[in-house]
Amino acid sequence: MNIESLGSVTDVSPLKLETGGGLTSLEKSNSFVSILNQQLTETNSALMTSEAHLRRIAAGDSSNLHQAMIAMEEASIRLNLVVQIRNKLVDGYHEVLKMQL
């Protein structure tokens, strides 16, 4: 049995704190947006991959149920993460709306 590693888990780099000359607020927002966009793209790709595995199994073309289950669980975890991030962003937005000027 060949077990593949999860590449996205090992590609985590440590955070670097800078005391001066950091990013401007526009650059920070662009980097957040690009990271969020990248994660959404990867989540969509994982969902499509799991769907393709499921279709192959349903059609009888593939007998590799193990890989299909791994792909479906990965897609499920990624989707749950995206939903939780969305919920936190909406909560933050509602908190800003509640602020009195």
Protein backbone atom coordinates (compact mmCIF):
# COMPACT_ATOMS: atom_id res chain seq x y z
CA MET A 1 0.00 0.00 0.00
CA ASN A 2 1.39 3.37 -1.01
CA ILE A 3 0.43 6.30 1.23
CA GLU A 4 0.85 9.76 -0.27
CA SER A 5 1.82 12.71 1.89
CA LEU A 6 -0.25 15.88 2.11
CA GLY A 7 1.88 18.53 0.42
CA SER A 8 -0.08 21.49 1.73
CA VAL A 9 0.59 20.53 5.35
CA THR A 10 4.37 20.45 4.93
CA ASP A 11 4.49 23.75 3.04
CA VAL A 12 3.74 25.85 6.12
CA SER A 13 6.33 28.55 6.67
CA PRO A 14 6.93 30.27 10.03
CA LEU A 15 5.59 33.76 10.61
CA LYS A 16 8.07 36.62 10.57
CA LEU A 17 7.52 39.67 12.73
CA GLU A 18 8.91 42.97 11.53
CA THR A 19 9.38 45.95 13.81
CA GLY A 20 9.65 48.65 11.17
CA GLY A 21 9.12 49.24 7.49
CA GLY A 22 6.36 46.65 7.37
CA LEU A 23 3.63 46.30 4.84
CA THR A 24 1.15 49.08 4.24
CA SER A 25 -2.50 48.37 4.98
CA LEU A 26 -3.22 48.02 1.27
CA GLU A 27 -0.47 45.44 0.85
CA LYS A 28 -1.70 43.53 3.91
CA SER A 29 -5.24 43.43 2.56
CA ASN A 30 -4.01 42.28 -0.84
CA SER A 31 -1.99 39.49 0.73
CA PHE A 32 -5.01 38.40 2.81
CA VAL A 33 -7.21 38.46 -0.27
CA SER A 34 -4.67 36.48 -2.29
CA ILE A 35 -4.30 33.87 0.46
CA LEU A 36 -8.07 33.57 0.78
CA ASN A 37 -8.46 33.31 -2.98
CA GLN A 38 -5.77 30.62 -3.14
CA GLN A 39 -7.49 28.61 -0.39
CA LEU A 40 -10.84 28.88 -2.16
CA THR A 41 -9.25 27.68 -5.38
CA GLU A 42 -7.63 24.73 -3.59
CA THR A 43 -10.92 23.89 -1.88
CA ASN A 44 -12.74 23.92 -5.19
CA SER A 45 -10.06 21.69 -6.70
CA ALA A 46 -10.33 19.23 -3.80
CA LEU A 47 -14.12 19.12 -4.19
CA MET A 48 -13.81 18.46 -7.92
CA THR A 49 -11.23 15.72 -7.31
CA SER A 50 -13.42 13.99 -4.75
CA GLU A 51 -16.39 14.19 -7.08
CA ALA A 52 -14.33 12.66 -9.88
CA HIS A 53 -13.28 9.78 -7.59
CA LEU A 54 -16.88 9.24 -6.57
CA ARG A 55 -18.08 9.18 -10.18
CA ARG A 56 -15.40 6.64 -11.14
CA ILE A 57 -16.39 4.36 -8.27
CA ALA A 58 -20.10 4.71 -9.07
CA ALA A 59 -19.40 3.84 -12.70
CA GLY A 60 -17.29 0.84 -11.69
CA ASP A 61 -14.14 2.20 -13.34
CA SER A 62 -12.12 2.35 -10.14
CA SER A 63 -11.72 -0.05 -7.26
CA ASN A 64 -9.55 2.29 -5.20
CA LEU A 65 -12.09 3.14 -2.52
CA HIS A 66 -9.33 4.11 -0.09
CA GLN A 67 -8.06 7.02 -2.21
CA ALA A 68 -11.62 8.15 -2.92
CA MET A 69 -12.45 8.27 0.78
CA ILE A 70 -9.26 10.22 1.51
CA ALA A 71 -10.10 12.72 -1.24
CA MET A 72 -13.66 13.11 0.02
CA GLU A 73 -12.53 13.67 3.62
CA GLU A 74 -9.91 16.20 2.53
CA ALA A 75 -12.53 18.09 0.54
CA SER A 76 -14.92 17.96 3.49
CA ILE A 77 -12.32 19.34 5.90
CA ARG A 78 -11.34 22.10 3.48
CA LEU A 79 -14.98 23.06 2.95
CA ASN A 80 -15.63 23.14 6.70
CA LEU A 81 -12.62 25.43 7.13
CA VAL A 82 -13.88 27.80 4.44
CA VAL A 83 -17.33 27.89 6.06
CA GLN A 84 -15.81 28.64 9.47
CA ILE A 85 -13.68 31.46 8.02
CA ARG A 86 -16.77 32.88 6.34
CA ASN A 87 -18.69 32.72 9.62
CA LYS A 88 -15.90 34.54 11.47
CA LEU A 89 -15.79 37.26 8.80
CA VAL A 90 -19.57 37.73 8.98
CA ASP A 91 -19.41 37.89 12.79
CA GLY A 92 -16.68 40.51 12.57
CA TYR A 93 -18.73 42.51 10.09
CA HIS A 94 -21.74 42.42 12.41
CA GLU A 95 -19.58 43.58 15.31
CA VAL A 96 -18.40 46.57 13.26
CA LEU A 97 -22.02 47.39 12.41
CA LYS A 98 -22.91 47.37 16.12
CA MET A 99 -20.26 49.97 16.95
CA GLN A 100 -21.59 53.40 17.80
CA LEU A 101 -19.88 56.46 16.40
